[in-house]
Every structure is written in C-alpha cells, then in structure tokens.
C-alpha cells in the first residue's frame, strides 16, 4: 500500500520530528507526558513542521515542469564518437501548438502535502480542548 506520493514522505518524517519536539518541550516545561494534552502538543508540532514544509520546501520540489516526448529522427545521426542516435526528446505540444506543462503534487494519505498542516492543527485543537474537559 502506497501512503504517499512524490515528496509526501517528508510530511510523515515531519510528524515523527514533531513527536520528538513535543517530548522535548514537555520535559523542558515539566509537563505530564501522558494524556490528551501531550497528543495536542505532538499534533501542534507536527502541524508547525508541515506548515514550514508547505511554505518553504514543497514549492521548490513540486515546481511545474515541461512535458517531453521522444520522437524518431527521420534519419539516424552518427556522432563523432561512433554513437548512433535514432530518437530525440522534444517538448510535447497541445493541439494549438503551445508547450504542455505538468505540476506534480506530493501527498500523504491522499491529502495534498501543502495543506496537511490544516488537519493536523485541527486535531491538535480538538485534543487541547478535550484535555481540559477530562481533568
């Protein structure tokens, strides 16, 4: 089962880093490391890391690129070193003659990685509110 596409595994690693940062924060402030408040802290750090990934990393990794196709040359070309070239790579064109572009998207569990921080933040908020009602 594939749970991520392209660079979505970085979001998964960001969640793991959020767990480590949450435990470091809890030990620095003397918080109890069990219960919903710790879960809220984990999801809050994971959301913050994924927000940074969405703003700083994914725009560079998922930038648009031109679509290319391979077409056969009318005549094989022989290079000076003896290699024979029979095909060339050219830009793909739409019916109007314009170059075609594709914008790849990274995802984790079918959620686009650029917006994954939103559900993580929502879960953090729900856990934080629920922790005050379970005391």
N, C-alpha and C. Protein backbone atom coordinates (compact mmCIF):
# COMPACT_ATOMS: atom_id res chain seq x y z
N UNK A 1 0.84 -1.18 0.00
CA UNK A 1 0.00 0.00 0.00
C UNK A 1 0.89 1.24 0.00
N UNK A 2 0.66 2.12 -0.92
CA UNK A 2 1.42 3.35 -1.01
C UNK A 2 0.67 4.42 -0.22
N UNK A 3 1.36 5.00 0.77
CA UNK A 3 0.69 6.00 1.59
C UNK A 3 1.11 7.41 1.24
N UNK A 4 2.09 7.56 0.36
CA UNK A 4 2.49 8.90 -0.05
C UNK A 4 2.84 8.90 -1.53
N UNK A 5 2.80 10.08 -2.11
CA UNK A 5 3.25 10.24 -3.49
C UNK A 5 4.32 11.33 -3.50
N UNK A 6 5.28 11.16 -4.37
CA UNK A 6 6.40 12.08 -4.53
C UNK A 6 7.09 12.38 -3.21
N UNK A 7 7.02 13.59 -2.73
CA UNK A 7 7.74 14.02 -1.54
C UNK A 7 6.88 14.00 -0.29
N UNK A 8 5.75 13.33 -0.32
CA UNK A 8 4.85 13.27 0.83
C UNK A 8 5.45 12.60 2.05
N UNK A 9 6.47 11.76 1.83
CA UNK A 9 7.10 11.11 2.98
C UNK A 9 7.78 12.13 3.89
N UNK A 10 8.10 13.31 3.37
CA UNK A 10 8.68 14.35 4.22
C UNK A 10 7.68 14.80 5.29
N UNK A 11 6.39 14.81 4.94
CA UNK A 11 5.36 15.14 5.93
C UNK A 11 5.30 14.08 7.01
N UNK A 12 5.48 12.83 6.61
CA UNK A 12 5.49 11.72 7.57
C UNK A 12 6.69 11.87 8.51
N UNK A 13 7.85 12.19 7.95
CA UNK A 13 9.04 12.42 8.78
C UNK A 13 8.87 13.66 9.66
N UNK A 14 8.16 14.67 9.14
CA UNK A 14 7.87 15.86 9.93
C UNK A 14 7.01 15.54 11.13
N UNK A 15 6.08 14.58 10.96
CA UNK A 15 5.26 14.17 12.10
C UNK A 15 6.13 13.48 13.14
N UNK A 16 7.06 12.64 12.70
CA UNK A 16 7.97 12.00 13.64
C UNK A 16 8.84 13.00 14.38
N UNK A 17 9.32 14.01 13.67
CA UNK A 17 10.09 15.08 14.31
C UNK A 17 9.22 15.85 15.30
N UNK A 18 7.93 15.99 14.98
CA UNK A 18 7.01 16.64 15.90
C UNK A 18 6.85 15.87 17.20
N UNK A 19 6.87 14.55 17.12
CA UNK A 19 6.80 13.73 18.33
C UNK A 19 8.02 13.99 19.21
N UNK A 20 9.19 13.99 18.59
CA UNK A 20 10.41 14.25 19.36
C UNK A 20 10.42 15.64 19.98
N UNK A 21 10.01 16.64 19.22
CA UNK A 21 9.97 18.00 19.74
C UNK A 21 8.93 18.16 20.85
N UNK A 22 7.82 17.43 20.74
CA UNK A 22 6.79 17.51 21.78
C UNK A 22 7.31 16.93 23.09
N UNK A 23 8.02 15.81 23.03
CA UNK A 23 8.58 15.25 24.26
C UNK A 23 9.67 16.15 24.83
N UNK A 24 10.45 16.78 23.96
CA UNK A 24 11.47 17.72 24.44
C UNK A 24 10.82 18.94 25.10
N UNK A 25 9.74 19.42 24.51
CA UNK A 25 9.02 20.56 25.08
C UNK A 25 8.39 20.18 26.42
N UNK A 26 7.80 18.98 26.49
CA UNK A 26 7.17 18.53 27.73
C UNK A 26 8.20 18.38 28.84
N UNK A 27 9.36 17.85 28.51
CA UNK A 27 10.38 17.70 29.56
C UNK A 27 10.96 19.06 29.95
N UNK A 28 11.07 19.98 29.03
CA UNK A 28 11.61 21.31 29.34
C UNK A 28 10.67 22.09 30.26
N UNK A 29 9.36 21.92 30.09
CA UNK A 29 8.39 22.65 30.91
C UNK A 29 7.81 21.82 32.04
N UNK A 30 8.26 20.58 32.17
CA UNK A 30 7.80 19.72 33.26
C UNK A 30 6.36 19.26 33.11
N UNK A 31 5.91 19.06 31.89
CA UNK A 31 4.54 18.61 31.65
C UNK A 31 4.44 17.09 31.75
N UNK A 32 3.25 16.61 32.06
CA UNK A 32 2.99 15.17 32.09
C UNK A 32 2.99 14.65 30.65
N UNK A 33 3.71 13.57 30.41
CA UNK A 33 3.82 13.05 29.04
C UNK A 33 2.77 12.01 28.72
N UNK A 34 1.69 11.96 29.49
CA UNK A 34 0.58 11.07 29.15
C UNK A 34 -0.69 11.92 29.07
N UNK A 35 -1.63 11.45 28.32
CA UNK A 35 -2.89 12.16 28.22
C UNK A 35 -3.05 12.94 26.92
N UNK A 36 -4.19 13.59 26.82
CA UNK A 36 -4.55 14.28 25.58
C UNK A 36 -3.75 15.55 25.35
N UNK A 37 -3.29 16.17 26.42
CA UNK A 37 -2.52 17.40 26.24
C UNK A 37 -1.19 17.10 25.53
N UNK A 38 -0.61 15.96 25.83
CA UNK A 38 0.61 15.57 25.12
C UNK A 38 0.31 15.28 23.66
N UNK A 39 -0.83 14.64 23.39
CA UNK A 39 -1.24 14.41 22.00
C UNK A 39 -1.45 15.72 21.26
N UNK A 40 -2.04 16.70 21.95
CA UNK A 40 -2.24 18.01 21.34
C UNK A 40 -0.91 18.67 21.03
N UNK A 41 0.05 18.50 21.92
CA UNK A 41 1.38 19.08 21.70
C UNK A 41 2.08 18.40 20.51
N UNK A 42 1.93 17.09 20.41
CA UNK A 42 2.53 16.35 19.28
C UNK A 42 1.94 16.85 17.96
N UNK A 43 0.62 16.93 17.88
CA UNK A 43 -0.02 17.36 16.64
C UNK A 43 0.27 18.83 16.34
N UNK A 44 0.44 19.65 17.38
CA UNK A 44 0.77 21.06 17.17
C UNK A 44 2.16 21.19 16.55
N UNK A 45 3.14 20.46 17.08
CA UNK A 45 4.48 20.50 16.49
C UNK A 45 4.48 19.93 15.08
N UNK A 46 3.74 18.84 14.87
CA UNK A 46 3.67 18.24 13.53
C UNK A 46 3.04 19.23 12.54
N UNK A 47 2.01 19.94 12.97
CA UNK A 47 1.38 20.94 12.10
C UNK A 47 2.34 22.07 11.79
N UNK A 48 3.12 22.51 12.77
CA UNK A 48 4.07 23.59 12.55
C UNK A 48 5.17 23.17 11.56
N UNK A 49 5.67 21.96 11.72
CA UNK A 49 6.70 21.47 10.81
C UNK A 49 6.15 21.32 9.40
N UNK A 50 4.94 20.77 9.28
CA UNK A 50 4.33 20.60 7.96
C UNK A 50 3.97 21.94 7.33
N UNK A 51 3.66 22.94 8.14
CA UNK A 51 3.43 24.28 7.60
C UNK A 51 4.72 24.82 6.98
N UNK A 52 5.84 24.65 7.69
CA UNK A 52 7.12 25.09 7.14
C UNK A 52 7.47 24.34 5.86
N UNK A 53 7.22 23.04 5.85
CA UNK A 53 7.46 22.26 4.63
C UNK A 53 6.59 22.77 3.47
N UNK A 54 5.33 23.08 3.77
CA UNK A 54 4.41 23.54 2.72
C UNK A 54 4.81 24.90 2.17
N UNK A 55 5.39 25.74 2.98
CA UNK A 55 5.75 27.09 2.53
C UNK A 55 7.15 27.18 1.95
N UNK A 56 8.08 26.37 2.47
CA UNK A 56 9.48 26.53 2.08
C UNK A 56 10.00 25.42 1.16
N UNK A 57 9.55 24.20 1.34
CA UNK A 57 10.16 23.06 0.65
C UNK A 57 9.33 22.61 -0.56
N UNK A 58 8.04 22.35 -0.37
CA UNK A 58 7.23 21.79 -1.46
C UNK A 58 7.12 22.68 -2.70
N UNK A 59 7.07 24.00 -2.56
CA UNK A 59 7.04 24.81 -3.79
C UNK A 59 8.28 24.61 -4.68
N UNK A 60 9.40 24.31 -4.07
CA UNK A 60 10.62 24.07 -4.86
C UNK A 60 10.65 22.65 -5.42
N UNK A 61 10.18 21.68 -4.65
CA UNK A 61 10.23 20.29 -5.09
C UNK A 61 9.14 19.96 -6.11
N UNK A 62 7.99 20.61 -5.99
CA UNK A 62 6.85 20.33 -6.88
C UNK A 62 6.63 21.44 -7.88
N UNK A 63 7.69 22.06 -8.36
CA UNK A 63 7.52 23.15 -9.32
C UNK A 63 7.11 22.59 -10.69
N UNK A 64 6.39 23.37 -11.48
CA UNK A 64 5.94 22.91 -12.80
C UNK A 64 7.13 22.57 -13.70
N UNK A 65 6.93 21.56 -14.53
CA UNK A 65 7.96 21.18 -15.49
C UNK A 65 7.31 20.90 -16.84
N UNK A 66 8.09 21.08 -17.87
CA UNK A 66 7.58 20.90 -19.22
C UNK A 66 7.49 19.41 -19.56
N UNK A 67 6.42 19.04 -20.23
CA UNK A 67 6.22 17.66 -20.66
C UNK A 67 7.03 17.44 -21.94
N UNK A 68 7.74 16.32 -22.01
CA UNK A 68 8.52 16.00 -23.20
C UNK A 68 8.09 14.64 -23.75
N UNK A 69 8.32 14.46 -25.02
CA UNK A 69 8.07 13.18 -25.69
C UNK A 69 9.30 12.81 -26.50
N UNK A 70 9.42 11.53 -26.79
CA UNK A 70 10.53 11.05 -27.62
C UNK A 70 9.99 10.76 -29.01
N UNK A 71 10.63 11.32 -30.02
CA UNK A 71 10.19 11.04 -31.39
C UNK A 71 11.38 10.54 -32.22
N UNK A 72 11.04 9.75 -33.20
CA UNK A 72 12.07 9.16 -34.03
C UNK A 72 12.59 10.18 -35.04
N UNK A 73 13.90 10.17 -35.24
CA UNK A 73 14.51 11.05 -36.22
C UNK A 73 14.23 10.53 -37.63
N UNK A 74 14.10 11.42 -38.63
CA UNK A 74 13.87 10.95 -40.00
C UNK A 74 15.02 10.08 -40.50
N UNK A 75 16.23 10.43 -40.09
CA UNK A 75 17.42 9.65 -40.47
C UNK A 75 18.26 9.48 -39.21
N UNK A 76 18.85 8.31 -38.98
CA UNK A 76 19.74 8.15 -37.83
C UNK A 76 20.94 9.10 -37.95
N UNK A 77 21.37 9.63 -36.81
CA UNK A 77 22.51 10.54 -36.78
C UNK A 77 23.66 9.83 -36.09
N UNK A 78 24.83 9.86 -36.71
CA UNK A 78 26.02 9.24 -36.12
C UNK A 78 26.92 10.33 -35.55
N UNK A 79 27.18 10.24 -34.25
CA UNK A 79 28.03 11.19 -33.56
C UNK A 79 29.49 10.90 -33.88
N UNK A 80 30.38 11.89 -33.69
CA UNK A 80 31.81 11.67 -33.99
C UNK A 80 32.44 10.50 -33.23
N UNK A 81 31.89 10.18 -32.03
CA UNK A 81 32.48 9.07 -31.26
C UNK A 81 31.89 7.72 -31.67
N UNK A 82 31.04 7.68 -32.68
CA UNK A 82 30.50 6.42 -33.19
C UNK A 82 29.11 6.06 -32.70
N UNK A 83 28.56 6.82 -31.74
CA UNK A 83 27.20 6.52 -31.27
C UNK A 83 26.21 6.87 -32.36
N UNK A 84 25.15 6.08 -32.44
CA UNK A 84 24.09 6.34 -33.41
C UNK A 84 22.84 6.77 -32.65
N UNK A 85 22.31 7.93 -33.01
CA UNK A 85 21.11 8.46 -32.37
C UNK A 85 19.95 8.27 -33.32
N UNK A 86 18.89 7.57 -32.84
CA UNK A 86 17.72 7.33 -33.67
C UNK A 86 16.49 8.09 -33.20
N UNK A 87 16.51 8.62 -31.96
CA UNK A 87 15.38 9.35 -31.39
C UNK A 87 15.87 10.65 -30.76
N UNK A 88 14.95 11.60 -30.59
CA UNK A 88 15.26 12.84 -29.90
C UNK A 88 14.11 13.18 -28.95
N UNK A 89 14.44 13.92 -27.92
CA UNK A 89 13.45 14.36 -26.94
C UNK A 89 13.04 15.78 -27.30
N UNK A 90 11.72 15.98 -27.44
CA UNK A 90 11.18 17.29 -27.82
C UNK A 90 10.04 17.66 -26.89
N UNK A 91 9.71 18.94 -26.75
CA UNK A 91 8.59 19.35 -25.91
C UNK A 91 7.26 18.83 -26.49
N UNK A 92 6.38 18.39 -25.60
CA UNK A 92 5.04 17.98 -26.04
C UNK A 92 4.21 19.23 -26.30
N UNK A 93 3.43 19.21 -27.36
CA UNK A 93 2.62 20.36 -27.74
C UNK A 93 1.15 19.99 -27.70
N UNK A 94 0.31 20.96 -27.30
CA UNK A 94 -1.14 20.74 -27.34
C UNK A 94 -1.62 21.01 -28.78
N UNK A 95 -2.91 20.77 -29.07
CA UNK A 95 -3.40 20.97 -30.44
C UNK A 95 -3.21 22.39 -30.98
N UNK A 96 -3.10 23.40 -30.11
CA UNK A 96 -2.89 24.77 -30.57
C UNK A 96 -1.40 25.07 -30.78
N UNK A 97 -0.52 24.12 -30.50
CA UNK A 97 0.90 24.31 -30.72
C UNK A 97 1.66 24.90 -29.54
N UNK A 98 1.02 24.99 -28.38
CA UNK A 98 1.68 25.51 -27.19
C UNK A 98 2.32 24.37 -26.40
N UNK A 99 3.41 24.67 -25.71
CA UNK A 99 4.08 23.66 -24.89
C UNK A 99 3.19 23.27 -23.71
N UNK A 100 3.22 21.99 -23.36
CA UNK A 100 2.42 21.48 -22.25
C UNK A 100 3.27 21.41 -20.99
N UNK A 101 2.65 21.73 -19.86
CA UNK A 101 3.33 21.72 -18.56
C UNK A 101 2.56 20.85 -17.60
N UNK A 102 3.25 20.23 -16.66
CA UNK A 102 2.62 19.43 -15.62
C UNK A 102 3.12 19.95 -14.27
N UNK A 103 2.21 20.02 -13.31
CA UNK A 103 2.56 20.44 -11.97
C UNK A 103 2.37 19.23 -11.06
N UNK A 104 3.46 18.58 -10.64
CA UNK A 104 3.33 17.41 -9.78
C UNK A 104 2.86 17.82 -8.39
N UNK A 105 2.19 16.91 -7.70
CA UNK A 105 1.68 17.17 -6.36
C UNK A 105 2.13 16.05 -5.42
N UNK A 106 2.67 16.43 -4.28
CA UNK A 106 3.04 15.47 -3.24
C UNK A 106 1.84 15.31 -2.31
N UNK A 107 1.66 14.08 -1.80
CA UNK A 107 0.53 13.83 -0.89
C UNK A 107 0.90 12.79 0.14
N UNK A 108 0.16 12.78 1.23
CA UNK A 108 0.28 11.77 2.28
C UNK A 108 -1.13 11.33 2.62
N UNK A 109 -1.41 10.05 2.49
CA UNK A 109 -2.76 9.50 2.68
C UNK A 109 -3.79 10.26 1.84
N UNK A 110 -3.45 10.55 0.61
CA UNK A 110 -4.31 11.22 -0.37
C UNK A 110 -4.66 12.66 0.01
N UNK A 111 -3.99 13.21 1.01
CA UNK A 111 -4.16 14.62 1.37
C UNK A 111 -2.98 15.37 0.77
N UNK A 112 -3.21 16.42 -0.01
CA UNK A 112 -2.08 17.17 -0.57
C UNK A 112 -1.15 17.66 0.54
N UNK A 113 0.13 17.47 0.35
CA UNK A 113 1.10 17.79 1.39
C UNK A 113 1.14 19.28 1.70
N UNK A 114 0.71 20.11 0.77
CA UNK A 114 0.73 21.56 1.02
C UNK A 114 -0.36 22.01 1.98
N UNK A 115 -1.38 21.19 2.20
CA UNK A 115 -2.44 21.57 3.14
C UNK A 115 -2.55 20.60 4.31
N UNK A 116 -1.61 19.68 4.46
CA UNK A 116 -1.66 18.67 5.53
C UNK A 116 -1.58 19.31 6.91
N UNK A 117 -0.98 20.47 7.01
CA UNK A 117 -0.85 21.12 8.30
C UNK A 117 -2.21 21.54 8.86
N UNK A 118 -3.20 21.75 8.01
CA UNK A 118 -4.53 22.19 8.47
C UNK A 118 -5.22 21.09 9.28
N UNK A 119 -5.35 19.84 8.76
CA UNK A 119 -5.98 18.81 9.59
C UNK A 119 -5.15 18.48 10.84
N UNK A 120 -3.83 18.55 10.74
CA UNK A 120 -3.01 18.30 11.93
C UNK A 120 -3.26 19.36 12.99
N UNK A 121 -3.38 20.60 12.58
CA UNK A 121 -3.69 21.67 13.53
C UNK A 121 -5.08 21.53 14.12
N UNK A 122 -6.04 21.07 13.30
CA UNK A 122 -7.40 20.87 13.80
C UNK A 122 -7.44 19.76 14.84
N UNK A 123 -6.73 18.67 14.59
CA UNK A 123 -6.66 17.58 15.57
C UNK A 123 -6.01 18.07 16.85
N UNK A 124 -4.98 18.89 16.74
CA UNK A 124 -4.32 19.46 17.91
C UNK A 124 -5.30 20.31 18.73
N UNK A 125 -6.07 21.11 18.04
CA UNK A 125 -7.05 21.96 18.73
C UNK A 125 -8.12 21.12 19.44
N UNK A 126 -8.61 20.09 18.77
CA UNK A 126 -9.64 19.21 19.37
C UNK A 126 -9.07 18.52 20.60
N UNK A 127 -7.85 18.00 20.51
CA UNK A 127 -7.24 17.33 21.65
C UNK A 127 -6.98 18.30 22.80
N UNK A 128 -6.58 19.54 22.49
CA UNK A 128 -6.32 20.52 23.55
C UNK A 128 -7.62 20.87 24.29
N UNK A 129 -8.68 21.06 23.53
CA UNK A 129 -9.97 21.39 24.16
C UNK A 129 -10.48 20.19 24.97
N UNK A 130 -10.35 18.99 24.41
CA UNK A 130 -10.82 17.79 25.12
C UNK A 130 -10.01 17.53 26.38
N UNK A 131 -8.74 17.92 26.40
CA UNK A 131 -7.91 17.68 27.60
C UNK A 131 -8.38 18.52 28.78
N UNK A 132 -9.00 19.68 28.51
CA UNK A 132 -9.50 20.50 29.60
C UNK A 132 -10.79 19.95 30.20
N UNK A 133 -11.54 19.15 29.44
CA UNK A 133 -12.79 18.58 29.92
C UNK A 133 -12.58 17.23 30.60
N UNK A 134 -11.41 16.64 30.49
CA UNK A 134 -11.16 15.33 31.09
C UNK A 134 -10.34 15.41 32.36
N UNK A 135 -10.12 16.58 32.87
CA UNK A 135 -9.31 16.72 34.10
C UNK A 135 -10.12 16.39 35.30
